[in-house]
Amino acid sequence: MGFVTEDAGLAGMEMLGLRVYPVAGLEDVVTRFGVREIIVTTPLPNGAARREMVARFGALPVRFRILPAIADLASGKYSISDVRDIDIDDLLRRSPVAPDPALMRGVIEGKVILVTGAAGSIGSALSRTIARLNPKKLILVDFNEHGLFEITREIASSARFPLVRVLGSVTDGSLMRQVLRENEVETVYHCAAFKHVSMVEANCVEGARNNILGTWTIAEAAREQRVANFILISSDKAVRPSSVMGATKRWSELIVRHFPVIGAKSGGEGNFASVRFGNVIGSSGSVVPLFSEQIAAGGPVTLTHEEMTRYFMSVREAAELIIQATALSRSGDVLLLEMGDPVRIRALAEDMIMLSGLTIRNEENPEGDIEIVTIGPAEGEKLHEELFYDPSVVAPTAHPKILRDGQVNDVAVDVPARLKDLRERIEIRDEAGLRTLLFDFT
């Protein structure tokens, strides 16, 4: 029907025989001409600008789509036909920083890489990214048979390197040692973990067995086999944990920090580091797929608290940053992925409803499509998450989105002795005793 511009000097002119309208009058244009689709061609600089647009025009009966960046069109990466719907990722994304090709290739190209939890949300995204960087060999480990089959099938269709699939658990020490030894693994990305807060809270023993003992088992096997890099994928829930899941991630970080101490005494040279970040959009533990299901079912969308906030990033960005963090890591590091500003979960729900072309049902709009209701926080759930204990000791790295936690020796704990106690509580299934140990970091 025409073009829309924020440039007052162009409003009222014609292009290709079509009128150029001012953005201030867009609502009138949509109503007058029965517009059904709006294509955004100008890059919106950040998530806030995208959210402002959706908030302003979300109630209009139109479909919003977005054109790929001009640079991507010019390079042939995308074509005009790749115009796509605006999604929640567009609204949450911070100002993007292109990955550093040298950092990415330096730790992957020509290397033997193993990914645990390769069928999971983070593990599968990381595996896809690694596959594009031409490793010498890629080993995918998971005990989810169907998930492992699917991610292997997807990568194998274009892989130009040997691809090994291992069905098993990281708690199986003999299997992990055999896989690391026979494949001469150089880097391990340890993504395997139970991560659903409520599920792990209700299954404390198995959560600790998999997340804590599994981390020790695979890390110890990596040290024995002289693996060059061992990178733990951690979580912001490891900071001042209030849930069992968060506590298991905290213990996993302590385990990984312990191995450089062992290496210093035994002459080992392996790099053991953790990468900590917040929620990944669309991951199996995220609220995004839950909200999508609730919206598709006609609602209601359920919040646990009106003021709850979380950090978010896209799964692709997380995978790229994890690999780059490997190149910047030093043994014992906890590296933090810069997550931007925390997002209010209620605002996230409202954005997703509007992106679905629906309206919010509330007192002001009783005829709306989807209601948002507050049901109260689950056990162990925080109102706000944190990425670090002490912001004053966080230092920059060579990458603007990767930070280094300076509190390397922030907890004085005898890891092997505490693990012995934890293992005993796990084996006799003493949940009460285990919970006490889980939250004792001194």
Protein backbone atom coordinates (compact mmCIF):
# COMPACT_ATOMS: atom_id res chain seq x y z
CA MET A 1 0.00 0.00 0.00
CA GLY A 2 2.92 2.35 0.61
CA PHE A 3 5.92 3.23 2.73
CA VAL A 4 6.26 4.48 6.30
CA THR A 5 9.07 6.74 7.51
CA GLU A 6 10.25 8.51 10.64
CA ASP A 7 11.82 11.21 8.43
CA ALA A 8 9.40 14.15 8.40
CA GLY A 9 11.05 15.46 5.22
CA LEU A 10 10.01 12.35 3.26
CA ALA A 11 6.45 12.09 4.56
CA GLY A 12 3.90 12.95 1.88
CA MET A 13 6.21 12.16 -1.04
CA GLU A 14 5.80 9.28 -3.49
CA MET A 15 8.15 6.38 -4.25
CA LEU A 16 7.49 4.03 -7.17
CA GLY A 17 4.05 5.57 -7.39
CA LEU A 18 3.24 4.78 -3.75
CA ARG A 19 2.71 7.27 -0.93
CA VAL A 20 5.19 7.71 1.92
CA TYR A 21 3.34 8.05 5.23
CA PRO A 22 4.63 9.39 8.55
CA VAL A 23 5.04 6.72 11.23
CA ALA A 24 3.00 8.88 13.60
CA GLY A 25 -0.08 8.18 11.50
CA LEU A 26 0.45 4.46 10.99
CA GLU A 27 -2.65 3.43 12.96
CA ASP A 28 -4.85 5.54 10.67
CA VAL A 29 -3.20 4.11 7.54
CA VAL A 30 -3.76 0.52 8.73
CA THR A 31 -7.41 1.20 9.49
CA ARG A 32 -8.13 3.20 6.33
CA PHE A 33 -6.59 0.76 3.84
CA GLY A 34 -7.13 -2.53 5.68
CA VAL A 35 -3.38 -3.22 5.88
CA ARG A 36 -2.65 -6.80 6.91
CA GLU A 37 1.16 -6.91 6.92
CA ILE A 38 3.98 -4.50 7.78
CA ILE A 39 7.57 -5.29 6.81
CA VAL A 40 10.27 -3.57 8.86
CA THR A 41 13.29 -2.82 6.65
CA THR A 42 15.23 -0.43 8.88
CA PRO A 43 17.39 -2.14 11.53
CA LEU A 44 16.09 -1.40 15.01
CA PRO A 45 19.16 -0.71 17.14
CA ASN A 46 18.25 -2.65 20.27
CA GLY A 47 15.64 -4.70 22.06
CA ALA A 48 14.14 -1.63 23.73
CA ALA A 49 13.32 -0.05 20.34
CA ARG A 50 11.73 -3.29 19.15
CA ARG A 51 9.67 -3.59 22.34
CA GLU A 52 8.51 0.01 21.95
CA MET A 53 7.35 -0.75 18.42
CA VAL A 54 5.47 -3.88 19.45
CA ALA A 55 3.90 -2.10 22.43
CA ARG A 56 2.72 0.73 20.17
CA PHE A 57 1.44 -1.30 17.24
CA GLY A 58 0.86 -4.71 18.85
CA ALA A 59 -2.88 -4.12 19.14
CA LEU A 60 -3.23 -3.50 15.40
CA PRO A 61 -4.66 -6.40 13.35
CA VAL A 62 -1.47 -6.75 11.30
CA ARG A 63 1.40 -9.17 10.96
CA PHE A 64 4.85 -7.71 11.55
CA ARG A 65 7.78 -9.13 9.62
CA ILE A 66 11.41 -8.07 9.44
CA LEU A 67 13.92 -7.95 6.59
CA PRO A 68 17.42 -9.40 7.14
CA ALA A 69 20.19 -6.85 7.67
CA ILE A 70 21.36 -5.11 4.50
CA ALA A 71 24.90 -6.39 5.08
CA ASP A 72 23.60 -9.97 5.11
CA LEU A 73 21.61 -9.35 1.93
CA ALA A 74 24.63 -7.81 0.19
CA SER A 75 26.91 -10.70 1.20
CA GLY A 76 24.40 -13.27 -0.05
CA LYS A 77 23.92 -14.80 3.40
CA TYR A 78 20.17 -14.12 3.10
CA SER A 79 17.87 -13.11 0.27
CA ILE A 80 14.80 -10.86 0.15
CA SER A 81 12.68 -14.01 0.33
CA ASP A 82 14.07 -14.64 3.84
CA VAL A 83 11.85 -11.93 5.33
CA ARG A 84 10.64 -13.38 8.64
CA ASP A 85 8.28 -12.78 11.54
CA ILE A 86 9.52 -10.64 14.39
CA ASP A 87 9.96 -12.99 17.34
CA ILE A 88 10.65 -12.70 21.03
CA ASP A 89 14.39 -13.00 20.40
CA ASP A 90 14.26 -9.69 18.52
CA LEU A 91 12.69 -7.97 21.50
CA LEU A 92 15.19 -9.29 24.06
CA ARG A 93 18.43 -9.11 22.10
CA ARG A 94 21.04 -6.66 23.29
CA SER A 95 23.18 -4.67 20.90
CA PRO A 96 24.83 -7.47 18.91
CA VAL A 97 28.58 -8.02 18.76
CA ALA A 98 29.77 -10.09 15.81
CA PRO A 99 31.78 -13.17 16.84
CA ASP A 100 35.55 -12.95 16.44
CA PRO A 101 36.45 -15.50 13.72
CA ALA A 102 39.99 -15.90 15.04
CA LEU A 103 38.80 -16.74 18.57
CA MET A 104 36.17 -19.14 17.20
CA ARG A 105 38.44 -21.02 14.81
CA GLY A 106 41.45 -21.10 17.10
CA VAL A 107 39.86 -23.43 19.65
CA ILE A 108 37.76 -25.58 17.30
CA GLU A 109 39.25 -25.92 13.81
CA GLY A 110 41.27 -29.13 13.49
CA LYS A 111 40.58 -30.10 17.13
CA VAL A 112 38.88 -33.14 18.66
CA ILE A 113 35.88 -31.82 20.60
CA LEU A 114 33.50 -33.62 22.97
CA VAL A 115 30.14 -32.17 24.08
CA THR A 116 28.24 -33.70 26.99
CA GLY A 117 24.50 -33.14 27.11
CA ALA A 118 24.70 -32.76 23.33
CA ALA A 119 20.96 -33.37 22.88
CA GLY A 120 19.97 -30.57 25.25
CA SER A 121 19.16 -26.97 24.40
CA ILE A 122 22.65 -25.54 25.00
CA GLY A 123 24.51 -28.71 24.04
CA SER A 124 22.79 -29.03 20.67
CA ALA A 125 23.28 -25.34 19.80
CA LEU A 126 26.94 -25.60 20.79
CA SER A 127 27.34 -28.77 18.72
CA ARG A 128 25.85 -27.06 15.63
CA THR A 129 28.18 -24.10 16.04
CA ILE A 130 31.22 -26.34 16.51
CA ALA A 131 30.26 -28.32 13.40
CA ARG A 132 30.38 -25.14 11.30
CA LEU A 133 33.96 -24.47 12.45
CA ASN A 134 35.44 -27.66 10.95
CA PRO A 135 36.68 -29.68 13.93
CA LYS A 136 38.92 -32.68 13.38
CA LYS A 137 36.32 -34.86 15.12
CA LEU A 138 33.15 -34.19 17.14
CA ILE A 139 31.93 -36.56 19.86
CA LEU A 140 28.36 -36.10 21.10
CA VAL A 141 27.45 -37.60 24.49
CA ASP A 142 23.96 -37.87 25.97
CA PHE A 143 21.70 -40.46 27.62
CA ASN A 144 18.63 -39.15 25.77
CA GLU A 145 18.50 -41.71 22.96
CA HIS A 146 16.03 -39.90 20.72
CA GLY A 147 17.60 -36.50 21.24
CA LEU A 148 21.07 -37.84 20.50
CA PHE A 149 19.80 -39.53 17.34
CA GLU A 150 18.19 -36.30 16.12
CA ILE A 151 21.15 -33.95 16.73
CA THR A 152 23.57 -36.48 15.22
CA ARG A 153 21.37 -36.90 12.14
CA GLU A 154 21.12 -33.12 11.72
CA ILE A 155 24.88 -32.50 11.94
CA ALA A 156 25.84 -35.60 9.93
CA SER A 157 23.94 -34.32 6.88
CA SER A 158 26.65 -31.72 6.22
CA ALA A 159 29.59 -32.83 8.37
CA ARG A 160 32.99 -33.13 6.68
CA PHE A 161 34.60 -34.74 9.71
CA PRO A 162 34.10 -37.92 11.79
CA LEU A 163 31.06 -37.67 14.04
CA VAL A 164 30.83 -40.00 17.05
CA ARG A 165 27.69 -40.52 19.12
CA VAL A 166 27.95 -41.92 22.62
CA LEU A 167 24.82 -43.02 24.44
CA GLY A 168 25.57 -42.86 28.16
CA SER A 169 25.84 -40.82 31.34
CA VAL A 170 28.65 -38.56 32.54
CA THR A 171 28.34 -40.36 35.89
CA ASP A 172 29.83 -43.48 34.23
CA GLY A 173 33.55 -42.97 34.84
CA SER A 174 34.79 -45.99 32.91
CA LEU A 175 32.79 -44.99 29.83
CA MET A 176 33.99 -41.37 29.99
CA ARG A 177 37.64 -42.42 30.33
CA GLN A 178 37.31 -44.84 27.43
CA VAL A 179 35.68 -42.25 25.14
CA LEU A 180 38.25 -39.56 26.00
CA ARG A 181 41.19 -41.97 25.56
CA GLU A 182 40.09 -43.70 22.35
CA ASN A 183 39.20 -40.43 20.61
CA GLU A 184 42.18 -38.43 21.97
CA VAL A 185 39.81 -35.61 22.98
CA GLU A 186 41.37 -32.15 23.25
CA THR A 187 38.41 -30.09 24.54
CA VAL A 188 35.36 -31.02 26.61
CA TYR A 189 32.27 -28.81 26.79
CA HIS A 190 30.34 -30.09 29.79
CA CYS A 191 26.70 -29.11 29.19
CA ALA A 192 25.06 -32.20 30.70
CA ALA A 193 22.90 -31.30 33.70
CA PHE A 194 19.39 -31.52 35.07
CA LYS A 195 18.35 -27.85 35.00
CA HIS A 196 14.59 -27.55 35.55
CA VAL A 197 14.42 -25.83 38.95
CA SER A 198 11.15 -27.38 40.12
CA MET A 199 12.04 -30.85 38.81
CA VAL A 200 15.43 -30.91 40.52
CA GLU A 201 13.87 -29.50 43.69
CA ALA A 202 11.48 -32.46 43.77
CA ASN A 203 14.26 -34.94 42.90
CA CYS A 204 17.12 -33.69 45.03
CA VAL A 205 19.13 -36.91 45.17
CA GLU A 206 19.16 -37.59 41.44
CA GLY A 207 19.78 -33.92 40.69
CA ALA A 208 22.89 -33.96 42.90
CA ARG A 209 24.03 -37.32 41.52
CA ASN A 210 23.86 -36.16 37.91
CA ASN A 211 24.96 -32.55 38.28
CA ILE A 212 27.62 -32.79 41.00
CA LEU A 213 28.96 -36.34 40.81
CA GLY A 214 28.66 -36.25 37.03
CA THR A 215 30.79 -33.09 36.87
CA TRP A 216 33.45 -34.61 39.14
CA THR A 217 33.49 -37.86 37.13
CA ILE A 218 33.92 -36.30 33.70
CA ALA A 219 36.35 -33.65 34.98
CA GLU A 220 38.51 -36.26 36.72
CA ALA A 221 38.52 -38.39 33.57
CA ALA A 222 39.54 -35.31 31.55
CA ARG A 223 42.46 -34.64 33.92
CA GLU A 224 43.60 -38.26 33.79
CA GLN A 225 43.52 -38.22 29.98
CA ARG A 226 45.32 -34.82 29.86
CA VAL A 227 42.51 -33.05 28.00
CA ALA A 228 43.67 -29.53 27.08
CA ASN A 229 40.41 -27.67 27.85
CA PHE A 230 37.52 -28.55 30.14
CA ILE A 231 34.72 -25.97 30.03
CA LEU A 232 31.77 -26.22 32.41
CA ILE A 233 28.50 -24.61 31.32
CA SER A 234 27.19 -22.98 34.49
CA SER A 235 24.22 -20.81 35.43
CA ASP A 236 23.42 -17.53 37.15
CA LYS A 237 21.48 -19.70 39.62
CA ALA A 238 24.87 -20.75 41.04
CA VAL A 239 25.21 -17.29 42.62
CA ARG A 240 23.84 -17.29 46.19
CA PRO A 241 21.71 -20.34 45.27
CA SER A 242 18.23 -20.71 46.72
CA SER A 243 17.31 -23.87 44.79
CA VAL A 244 18.80 -27.37 44.69
CA MET A 245 19.56 -26.87 41.00
CA GLY A 246 21.46 -23.66 41.75
CA ALA A 247 23.36 -25.35 44.57
CA THR A 248 24.41 -28.23 42.29
CA LYS A 249 25.72 -25.70 39.77
CA ARG A 250 27.61 -23.92 42.55
CA TRP A 251 29.23 -27.20 43.55
CA SER A 252 30.06 -27.90 39.91
CA GLU A 253 31.90 -24.57 39.69
CA LEU A 254 33.82 -25.41 42.89
CA ILE A 255 34.79 -28.79 41.44
CA VAL A 256 36.10 -27.23 38.23
CA ARG A 257 38.06 -24.64 40.25
CA HIS A 258 39.57 -27.48 42.29
CA PHE A 259 41.22 -29.25 39.34
CA PRO A 260 43.78 -26.50 38.62
CA VAL A 261 44.88 -26.96 42.26
CA ILE A 262 45.38 -30.69 41.61
CA GLY A 263 47.19 -29.84 38.37
CA ALA A 264 49.57 -27.45 40.11
CA LYS A 265 50.60 -30.21 42.51
CA SER A 266 50.92 -32.95 39.90
CA GLY A 267 52.31 -30.94 37.01
CA GLY A 268 49.11 -31.13 34.96
CA GLU A 269 48.60 -28.53 32.25
CA GLY A 270 44.87 -28.77 31.53
CA ASN A 271 42.71 -25.66 31.44
CA PHE A 272 39.64 -26.06 33.68
CA ALA A 273 37.18 -23.15 33.53
CA SER A 274 33.48 -22.33 33.88
CA VAL A 275 31.24 -20.12 31.77
CA ARG A 276 28.28 -18.67 33.67
CA PHE A 277 25.22 -17.02 32.10
CA GLY A 278 21.47 -16.61 32.49
CA ASN A 279 18.46 -17.95 30.60
CA VAL A 280 18.55 -18.93 26.95
CA ILE A 281 15.50 -18.04 24.88
CA GLY A 282 13.55 -21.12 23.88
CA SER A 283 15.61 -23.59 25.92
CA SER A 284 13.75 -26.44 27.58
CA GLY A 285 14.05 -24.77 30.97
CA SER A 286 12.94 -21.33 29.81
CA VAL A 287 9.56 -19.69 30.34
CA VAL A 288 9.36 -18.84 26.63
CA PRO A 289 8.19 -22.28 25.39
CA LEU A 290 5.82 -22.50 28.37
CA PHE A 291 4.26 -19.13 27.52
CA SER A 292 4.01 -20.18 23.87
CA GLU A 293 2.05 -23.29 24.83
CA GLN A 294 -0.24 -21.33 27.12
CA ILE A 295 -0.93 -18.70 24.45
CA ALA A 296 -1.63 -21.38 21.83
CA ALA A 297 -4.11 -22.99 24.25
CA GLY A 298 -5.96 -19.70 24.71
CA GLY A 299 -4.40 -18.86 28.09
CA PRO A 300 -4.11 -18.01 30.79
CA VAL A 301 -0.41 -17.16 30.85
CA THR A 302 0.87 -17.84 34.37
CA LEU A 303 3.41 -15.70 36.22
CA THR A 304 4.97 -16.63 39.53
CA HIS A 305 5.44 -12.98 40.60
CA GLU A 306 4.56 -9.60 39.10
CA GLU A 307 8.06 -8.19 39.66
CA MET A 308 10.13 -11.26 38.73
CA THR A 309 13.03 -10.58 36.34
CA ARG A 310 15.47 -12.80 34.45
CA TYR A 311 18.45 -12.41 32.15
CA PHE A 312 18.01 -13.72 28.59
CA MET A 313 20.11 -14.26 25.49
CA SER A 314 19.64 -16.17 22.26
CA VAL A 315 20.88 -19.74 22.11
CA ARG A 316 23.06 -19.00 19.09
CA GLU A 317 24.76 -16.06 20.80
CA ALA A 318 25.32 -18.17 23.92
CA ALA A 319 26.99 -20.92 21.88
CA GLU A 320 29.26 -18.47 20.06
CA LEU A 321 30.25 -16.72 23.28
CA ILE A 322 31.02 -20.03 25.04
CA ILE A 323 33.48 -20.94 22.30
CA GLN A 324 35.10 -17.51 22.38
CA ALA A 325 35.29 -17.68 26.18
CA THR A 326 37.29 -20.89 25.80
CA ALA A 327 39.96 -18.98 23.90
CA LEU A 328 40.09 -16.29 26.60
CA SER A 329 39.98 -18.57 29.63
CA ARG A 330 42.70 -19.35 32.12
CA SER A 331 42.62 -22.41 34.35
CA GLY A 332 40.41 -21.76 37.37
CA ASP A 333 38.44 -18.99 35.67
CA VAL A 334 34.76 -18.32 35.96
CA LEU A 335 33.88 -16.31 32.87
CA LEU A 336 30.60 -14.42 32.75
CA LEU A 337 28.58 -13.73 29.62
CA GLU A 338 27.31 -10.15 29.64
CA MET A 339 23.53 -10.49 29.57
CA GLY A 340 22.38 -6.87 29.29
CA ASP A 341 19.55 -5.64 31.48
CA PRO A 342 17.27 -8.14 33.24
CA VAL A 343 13.86 -8.55 31.61
CA ARG A 344 10.64 -8.31 33.61
CA ILE A 345 8.80 -11.58 33.05
CA ARG A 346 5.41 -9.88 32.90
CA ALA A 347 6.68 -7.63 30.07
CA LEU A 348 7.96 -10.76 28.32
CA ALA A 349 4.50 -12.37 28.56
CA GLU A 350 2.80 -9.22 27.24
CA ASP A 351 5.22 -9.01 24.31
CA MET A 352 4.66 -12.66 23.38
CA ILE A 353 0.88 -12.23 23.44
CA MET A 354 1.09 -9.19 21.16
CA LEU A 355 3.56 -10.92 18.82
CA SER A 356 0.96 -13.68 18.46
CA GLY A 357 -1.47 -11.09 17.10
CA LEU A 358 -3.61 -11.32 20.23
CA THR A 359 -4.62 -8.86 22.93
CA ILE A 360 -4.29 -8.97 26.72
CA ARG A 361 -7.46 -9.48 28.74
CA ASN A 362 -7.53 -7.26 31.82
CA GLU A 363 -9.75 -4.72 33.57
CA GLU A 364 -9.09 -2.12 30.89
CA ASN A 365 -9.75 -4.64 28.10
CA PRO A 366 -12.20 -7.28 29.41
CA GLU A 367 -12.81 -8.57 25.86
CA GLY A 368 -9.12 -9.31 25.27
CA ASP A 369 -7.86 -12.71 24.13
CA ILE A 370 -5.36 -13.87 26.76
CA GLU A 371 -5.40 -13.33 30.51
CA ILE A 372 -2.20 -13.11 32.60
CA VAL A 373 -2.53 -14.53 36.13
CA THR A 374 -0.08 -14.63 39.04
CA ILE A 375 0.18 -18.01 40.77
CA GLY A 376 3.05 -17.43 43.25
CA PRO A 377 6.73 -18.47 43.15
CA ALA A 378 7.77 -22.11 43.16
CA GLU A 379 9.97 -23.52 45.92
CA GLY A 380 13.57 -22.34 45.55
CA GLU A 381 12.71 -19.75 42.91
CA LYS A 382 14.32 -16.31 43.23
CA LEU A 383 12.66 -13.01 42.40
CA HIS A 384 15.84 -11.74 40.73
CA GLU A 385 18.94 -13.64 39.58
CA GLU A 386 22.57 -12.44 39.79
CA LEU A 387 25.56 -13.15 37.56
CA PHE A 388 28.28 -12.52 40.15
CA TYR A 389 28.83 -12.31 43.88
CA ASP A 390 30.82 -9.08 43.89
CA PRO A 391 30.61 -6.72 40.88
CA SER A 392 33.70 -4.83 42.07
CA VAL A 393 36.03 -7.74 41.24
CA VAL A 394 34.62 -8.48 37.77
CA ALA A 395 37.18 -7.64 35.09
CA PRO A 396 36.85 -7.19 31.32
CA THR A 397 38.44 -9.48 28.75
CA ALA A 398 39.38 -8.89 25.13
CA HIS A 399 35.73 -9.52 24.21
CA PRO A 400 33.13 -6.89 25.24
CA LYS A 401 30.51 -9.54 26.04
CA ILE A 402 32.78 -11.78 28.14
CA LEU A 403 33.82 -10.84 31.69
CA ARG A 404 36.14 -12.50 34.20
CA ASP A 405 35.17 -13.09 37.84
CA GLY A 406 38.12 -12.02 39.98
CA GLN A 407 37.01 -14.03 43.02
CA VAL A 408 38.88 -17.19 42.11
CA ASN A 409 39.52 -18.18 45.72
CA ASP A 410 36.28 -16.88 47.20
CA VAL A 411 35.38 -20.14 48.99
CA ALA A 412 37.80 -22.15 51.12
CA VAL A 413 36.40 -25.67 50.86
CA ASP A 414 37.95 -29.12 50.88
CA VAL A 415 36.25 -30.33 47.71
CA PRO A 416 37.22 -34.05 47.88
CA ALA A 417 36.16 -34.31 51.54
CA ARG A 418 32.84 -32.57 50.91
CA LEU A 419 32.21 -34.71 47.85
CA LYS A 420 32.77 -37.81 49.94
CA ASP A 421 30.06 -36.60 52.33
CA LEU A 422 27.74 -35.70 49.46
CA ARG A 423 28.28 -39.08 47.81
CA GLU A 424 27.43 -40.89 51.05
CA ARG A 425 24.18 -38.92 51.43
CA ILE A 426 23.31 -39.65 47.79
CA GLU A 427 23.99 -43.39 48.04
CA ILE A 428 21.73 -43.86 51.08
CA ARG A 429 19.21 -41.39 49.63
CA ASP A 430 19.31 -39.16 52.72
CA GLU A 431 17.57 -36.17 51.16
CA ALA A 432 17.43 -34.06 54.34
CA GLY A 433 21.13 -34.55 55.04
CA LEU A 434 21.98 -33.97 51.39
CA ARG A 435 20.09 -30.67 51.29
CA THR A 436 22.03 -29.46 54.32
CA LEU A 437 25.35 -30.30 52.66
CA LEU A 438 24.31 -28.79 49.33
CA PHE A 439 23.92 -25.32 50.78
CA ASP A 440 27.04 -25.41 52.97
CA PHE A 441 29.87 -23.78 51.05
CA THR A 442 32.21 -22.89 53.95
